[in-house]
Amino acid sequence: MLRKVAASVAVLTLAATVITGCSSGKLDTEETCSFINDQVAEQNLLQKAEDLSEQLIAGDTKDYAKIIDEFNAILIDAESKTKDKKLVDALSAASVQNREVSKLMVQGNGENSAEINEQLAALDTDEASEANAYLDEACPNMDSFN
């Protein structure tokens, strides 16, 4: 009797594993990219960025830094949810770069826009470009705020 119960439990466990796809609850690459875009839409970041376009043109980047911070929080969340190790590395690198971008943009007041632009350009390192290239490849339709 005990063997029959144990065998039934083993079969049920195996069936449950097959049904769930042996998943660890982590998102694949495409699901991660969709998650990011869904969060951007849910938080209305594209509209917020559009609303600030005139300020950006004038060099007043303080409010835009808040959008970068919100987007960065999404990237960090996605980083913890994905099972794509290369995407984890790319999201982490993008997050580090976004923090630096935000720190600079919060200082933008229109009078120092040339200086801020110069410092932003200095953040475009080979490492950052490599991470962004993978993000562009893995998530070609992902929204971005840099």
C-alpha atoms as a PDB file:
ATOM      1  CA  MET A   1       0.000   0.000   0.000  1.00  0.00           C
ATOM      2  CA  LEU A   2       2.792   2.420   0.936  1.00  0.00           C
ATOM      3  CA  ARG A   3       4.501   1.715  -2.399  1.00  0.00           C
ATOM      4  CA  LYS A   4       1.327   2.554  -4.319  1.00  0.00           C
ATOM      5  CA  VAL A   5       0.962   5.858  -2.463  1.00  0.00           C
ATOM      6  CA  ALA A   6       4.639   6.695  -2.980  1.00  0.00           C
ATOM      7  CA  ALA A   7       4.370   5.806  -6.661  1.00  0.00           C
ATOM      8  CA  SER A   8       1.254   7.967  -7.028  1.00  0.00           C
ATOM      9  CA  VAL A   9       2.969  10.890  -5.317  1.00  0.00           C
ATOM     10  CA  ALA A  10       6.007  10.472  -7.566  1.00  0.00           C
ATOM     11  CA  VAL A  11       3.821  10.434 -10.685  1.00  0.00           C
ATOM     12  CA  LEU A  12       1.912  13.517  -9.526  1.00  0.00           C
ATOM     13  CA  THR A  13       5.159  15.340  -8.739  1.00  0.00           C
ATOM     14  CA  LEU A  14       6.570  14.449 -12.140  1.00  0.00           C
ATOM     15  CA  ALA A  15       3.367  15.564 -13.854  1.00  0.00           C
ATOM     16  CA  ALA A  16       3.375  18.867 -11.959  1.00  0.00           C
ATOM     17  CA  THR A  17       6.998  19.438 -12.929  1.00  0.00           C
ATOM     18  CA  VAL A  18       6.254  18.758 -16.591  1.00  0.00           C
ATOM     19  CA  ILE A  19       3.181  20.998 -16.543  1.00  0.00           C
ATOM     20  CA  THR A  20       5.076  23.912 -15.012  1.00  0.00           C
ATOM     21  CA  GLY A  21       7.955  23.361 -17.395  1.00  0.00           C
ATOM     22  CA  CYS A  22      10.501  22.870 -14.632  1.00  0.00           C
ATOM     23  CA  SER A  23      10.375  26.602 -14.270  1.00  0.00           C
ATOM     24  CA  SER A  24      11.996  28.481 -11.464  1.00  0.00           C
ATOM     25  CA  GLY A  25       9.477  31.264 -11.856  1.00  0.00           C
ATOM     26  CA  LYS A  26      11.992  33.308 -13.841  1.00  0.00           C
ATOM     27  CA  LEU A  27      11.103  35.002 -17.113  1.00  0.00           C
ATOM     28  CA  ASP A  28      12.756  34.134 -20.401  1.00  0.00           C
ATOM     29  CA  THR A  29      14.322  36.899 -22.478  1.00  0.00           C
ATOM     30  CA  GLU A  30      11.218  37.777 -24.476  1.00  0.00           C
ATOM     31  CA  GLU A  31       9.022  37.762 -21.363  1.00  0.00           C
ATOM     32  CA  THR A  32      11.521  40.013 -19.589  1.00  0.00           C
ATOM     33  CA  CYS A  33      11.458  42.510 -22.452  1.00  0.00           C
ATOM     34  CA  SER A  34       7.660  42.449 -22.434  1.00  0.00           C
ATOM     35  CA  PHE A  35       7.670  42.942 -18.668  1.00  0.00           C
ATOM     36  CA  ILE A  36       9.833  46.057 -19.048  1.00  0.00           C
ATOM     37  CA  ASN A  37       7.604  47.535 -21.757  1.00  0.00           C
ATOM     38  CA  ASP A  38       4.466  46.693 -19.783  1.00  0.00           C
ATOM     39  CA  GLN A  39       5.859  48.456 -16.716  1.00  0.00           C
ATOM     40  CA  VAL A  40       6.859  51.501 -18.772  1.00  0.00           C
ATOM     41  CA  ALA A  41       3.306  51.666 -20.139  1.00  0.00           C
ATOM     42  CA  GLU A  42       1.730  51.058 -16.734  1.00  0.00           C
ATOM     43  CA  GLN A  43       3.753  53.884 -15.191  1.00  0.00           C
ATOM     44  CA  ASN A  44       3.060  56.116 -18.200  1.00  0.00           C
ATOM     45  CA  LEU A  45       6.753  56.949 -18.591  1.00  0.00           C
ATOM     46  CA  LEU A  46       6.605  57.703 -22.311  1.00  0.00           C
ATOM     47  CA  GLN A  47       3.921  60.332 -21.764  1.00  0.00           C
ATOM     48  CA  LYS A  48       5.822  61.782 -18.811  1.00  0.00           C
ATOM     49  CA  ALA A  49       8.931  62.043 -21.002  1.00  0.00           C
ATOM     50  CA  GLU A  50       6.935  63.664 -23.801  1.00  0.00           C
ATOM     51  CA  ASP A  51       5.491  66.185 -21.343  1.00  0.00           C
ATOM     52  CA  LEU A  52       9.022  67.216 -20.382  1.00  0.00           C
ATOM     53  CA  SER A  53      10.415  67.527 -23.912  1.00  0.00           C
ATOM     54  CA  GLU A  54      10.376  71.336 -23.919  1.00  0.00           C
ATOM     55  CA  GLN A  55      12.217  71.440 -20.597  1.00  0.00           C
ATOM     56  CA  LEU A  56      14.821  69.040 -21.983  1.00  0.00           C
ATOM     57  CA  ILE A  57      15.337  71.168 -25.069  1.00  0.00           C
ATOM     58  CA  ALA A  58      15.882  74.160 -22.794  1.00  0.00           C
ATOM     59  CA  GLY A  59      18.462  72.180 -20.800  1.00  0.00           C
ATOM     60  CA  ASP A  60      16.356  71.842 -17.660  1.00  0.00           C
ATOM     61  CA  THR A  61      16.817  68.145 -16.991  1.00  0.00           C
ATOM     62  CA  LYS A  62      15.954  67.924 -13.288  1.00  0.00           C
ATOM     63  CA  ASP A  63      12.461  66.512 -13.764  1.00  0.00           C
ATOM     64  CA  TYR A  64      13.626  64.113 -16.465  1.00  0.00           C
ATOM     65  CA  ALA A  65      16.024  62.594 -13.922  1.00  0.00           C
ATOM     66  CA  LYS A  66      12.950  61.342 -12.059  1.00  0.00           C
ATOM     67  CA  ILE A  67      11.813  59.465 -15.171  1.00  0.00           C
ATOM     68  CA  ILE A  68      15.275  57.922 -15.490  1.00  0.00           C
ATOM     69  CA  ASP A  69      14.997  56.815 -11.849  1.00  0.00           C
ATOM     70  CA  GLU A  70      11.566  55.262 -12.436  1.00  0.00           C
ATOM     71  CA  PHE A  71      12.834  53.461 -15.528  1.00  0.00           C
ATOM     72  CA  ASN A  72      15.885  52.308 -13.619  1.00  0.00           C
ATOM     73  CA  ALA A  73      13.674  50.768 -10.937  1.00  0.00           C
ATOM     74  CA  ILE A  74      11.926  48.797 -13.691  1.00  0.00           C
ATOM     75  CA  LEU A  75      15.269  47.558 -15.034  1.00  0.00           C
ATOM     76  CA  ILE A  76      16.369  46.469 -11.561  1.00  0.00           C
ATOM     77  CA  ASP A  77      13.085  44.635 -11.058  1.00  0.00           C
ATOM     78  CA  ALA A  78      13.431  42.943 -14.462  1.00  0.00           C
ATOM     79  CA  GLU A  79      17.005  41.993 -13.629  1.00  0.00           C
ATOM     80  CA  SER A  80      15.769  40.011 -10.632  1.00  0.00           C
ATOM     81  CA  LYS A  81      13.025  38.315 -12.674  1.00  0.00           C
ATOM     82  CA  THR A  82      14.921  37.081 -15.733  1.00  0.00           C
ATOM     83  CA  LYS A  83      16.719  33.806 -16.190  1.00  0.00           C
ATOM     84  CA  ASP A  84      18.838  35.128 -19.093  1.00  0.00           C
ATOM     85  CA  LYS A  85      22.276  35.597 -17.494  1.00  0.00           C
ATOM     86  CA  LYS A  86      23.541  37.791 -20.311  1.00  0.00           C
ATOM     87  CA  LEU A  87      20.449  39.966 -19.995  1.00  0.00           C
ATOM     88  CA  VAL A  88      21.028  40.205 -16.232  1.00  0.00           C
ATOM     89  CA  ASP A  89      24.517  41.562 -16.936  1.00  0.00           C
ATOM     90  CA  ALA A  90      23.221  43.999 -19.562  1.00  0.00           C
ATOM     91  CA  LEU A  91      20.407  45.238 -17.306  1.00  0.00           C
ATOM     92  CA  SER A  92      22.850  45.657 -14.442  1.00  0.00           C
ATOM     93  CA  ALA A  93      25.233  47.691 -16.606  1.00  0.00           C
ATOM     94  CA  ALA A  94      22.337  49.793 -17.903  1.00  0.00           C
ATOM     95  CA  SER A  95      21.183  50.366 -14.341  1.00  0.00           C
ATOM     96  CA  VAL A  96      24.617  51.583 -13.265  1.00  0.00           C
ATOM     97  CA  GLN A  97      24.760  53.917 -16.247  1.00  0.00           C
ATOM     98  CA  ASN A  98      21.224  55.191 -15.585  1.00  0.00           C
ATOM     99  CA  ARG A  99      22.139  56.068 -11.997  1.00  0.00           C
ATOM    100  CA  GLU A 100      25.041  58.144 -13.285  1.00  0.00           C
ATOM    101  CA  VAL A 101      22.845  59.779 -15.929  1.00  0.00           C
ATOM    102  CA  SER A 102      20.266  60.648 -13.285  1.00  0.00           C
ATOM    103  CA  LYS A 103      22.905  62.159 -10.990  1.00  0.00           C
ATOM    104  CA  LEU A 104      24.008  64.442 -13.809  1.00  0.00           C
ATOM    105  CA  MET A 105      20.539  65.311 -15.061  1.00  0.00           C
ATOM    106  CA  VAL A 106      19.325  66.355 -11.636  1.00  0.00           C
ATOM    107  CA  GLN A 107      21.898  69.171 -11.867  1.00  0.00           C
ATOM    108  CA  GLY A 108      20.664  70.436 -15.248  1.00  0.00           C
ATOM    109  CA  ASN A 109      19.198  73.922 -15.052  1.00  0.00           C
ATOM    110  CA  GLY A 110      19.488  75.263 -18.584  1.00  0.00           C
ATOM    111  CA  GLU A 111      22.569  77.334 -17.841  1.00  0.00           C
ATOM    112  CA  ASN A 112      24.907  74.368 -17.558  1.00  0.00           C
ATOM    113  CA  SER A 113      23.534  72.239 -20.393  1.00  0.00           C
ATOM    114  CA  ALA A 114      26.818  72.148 -22.337  1.00  0.00           C
ATOM    115  CA  GLU A 115      28.666  70.889 -19.272  1.00  0.00           C
ATOM    116  CA  ILE A 116      25.966  68.301 -18.511  1.00  0.00           C
ATOM    117  CA  ASN A 117      25.971  67.097 -22.142  1.00  0.00           C
ATOM    118  CA  GLU A 118      29.746  66.725 -22.039  1.00  0.00           C
ATOM    119  CA  GLN A 119      29.567  64.688 -18.835  1.00  0.00           C
ATOM    120  CA  LEU A 120      26.745  62.551 -20.246  1.00  0.00           C
ATOM    121  CA  ALA A 121      28.830  61.821 -23.349  1.00  0.00           C
ATOM    122  CA  ALA A 122      31.685  60.670 -21.102  1.00  0.00           C
ATOM    123  CA  LEU A 123      29.390  57.983 -19.671  1.00  0.00           C
ATOM    124  CA  ASP A 124      29.175  56.311 -23.080  1.00  0.00           C
ATOM    125  CA  THR A 125      32.002  53.841 -22.448  1.00  0.00           C
ATOM    126  CA  ASP A 126      32.802  50.668 -24.377  1.00  0.00           C
ATOM    127  CA  GLU A 127      31.314  48.590 -21.549  1.00  0.00           C
ATOM    128  CA  ALA A 128      28.093  50.610 -21.601  1.00  0.00           C
ATOM    129  CA  SER A 129      27.929  50.381 -25.396  1.00  0.00           C
ATOM    130  CA  GLU A 130      28.395  46.601 -25.238  1.00  0.00           C
ATOM    131  CA  ALA A 131      25.597  46.242 -22.673  1.00  0.00           C
ATOM    132  CA  ASN A 132      23.313  48.495 -24.696  1.00  0.00           C
ATOM    133  CA  ALA A 133      24.093  46.513 -27.842  1.00  0.00           C
ATOM    134  CA  TYR A 134      22.928  43.316 -26.152  1.00  0.00           C
ATOM    135  CA  LEU A 135      19.800  45.051 -24.855  1.00  0.00           C
ATOM    136  CA  ASP A 136      19.066  46.263 -28.391  1.00  0.00           C
ATOM    137  CA  GLU A 137      19.569  42.723 -29.707  1.00  0.00           C
ATOM    138  CA  ALA A 138      17.602  40.926 -26.980  1.00  0.00           C
ATOM    139  CA  CYS A 139      14.859  43.531 -26.648  1.00  0.00           C
ATOM    140  CA  PRO A 140      14.695  45.384 -29.980  1.00  0.00           C
ATOM    141  CA  ASN A 141      11.369  47.012 -29.107  1.00  0.00           C
ATOM    142  CA  MET A 142      12.256  47.996 -25.551  1.00  0.00           C
ATOM    143  CA  ASP A 143      11.548  51.569 -24.571  1.00  0.00           C
ATOM    144  CA  SER A 144      14.550  53.610 -23.464  1.00  0.00           C
ATOM    145  CA  PHE A 145      15.025  56.968 -21.826  1.00  0.00           C
ATOM    146  CA  ASN A 146      18.697  57.795 -22.451  1.00  0.00           C
END
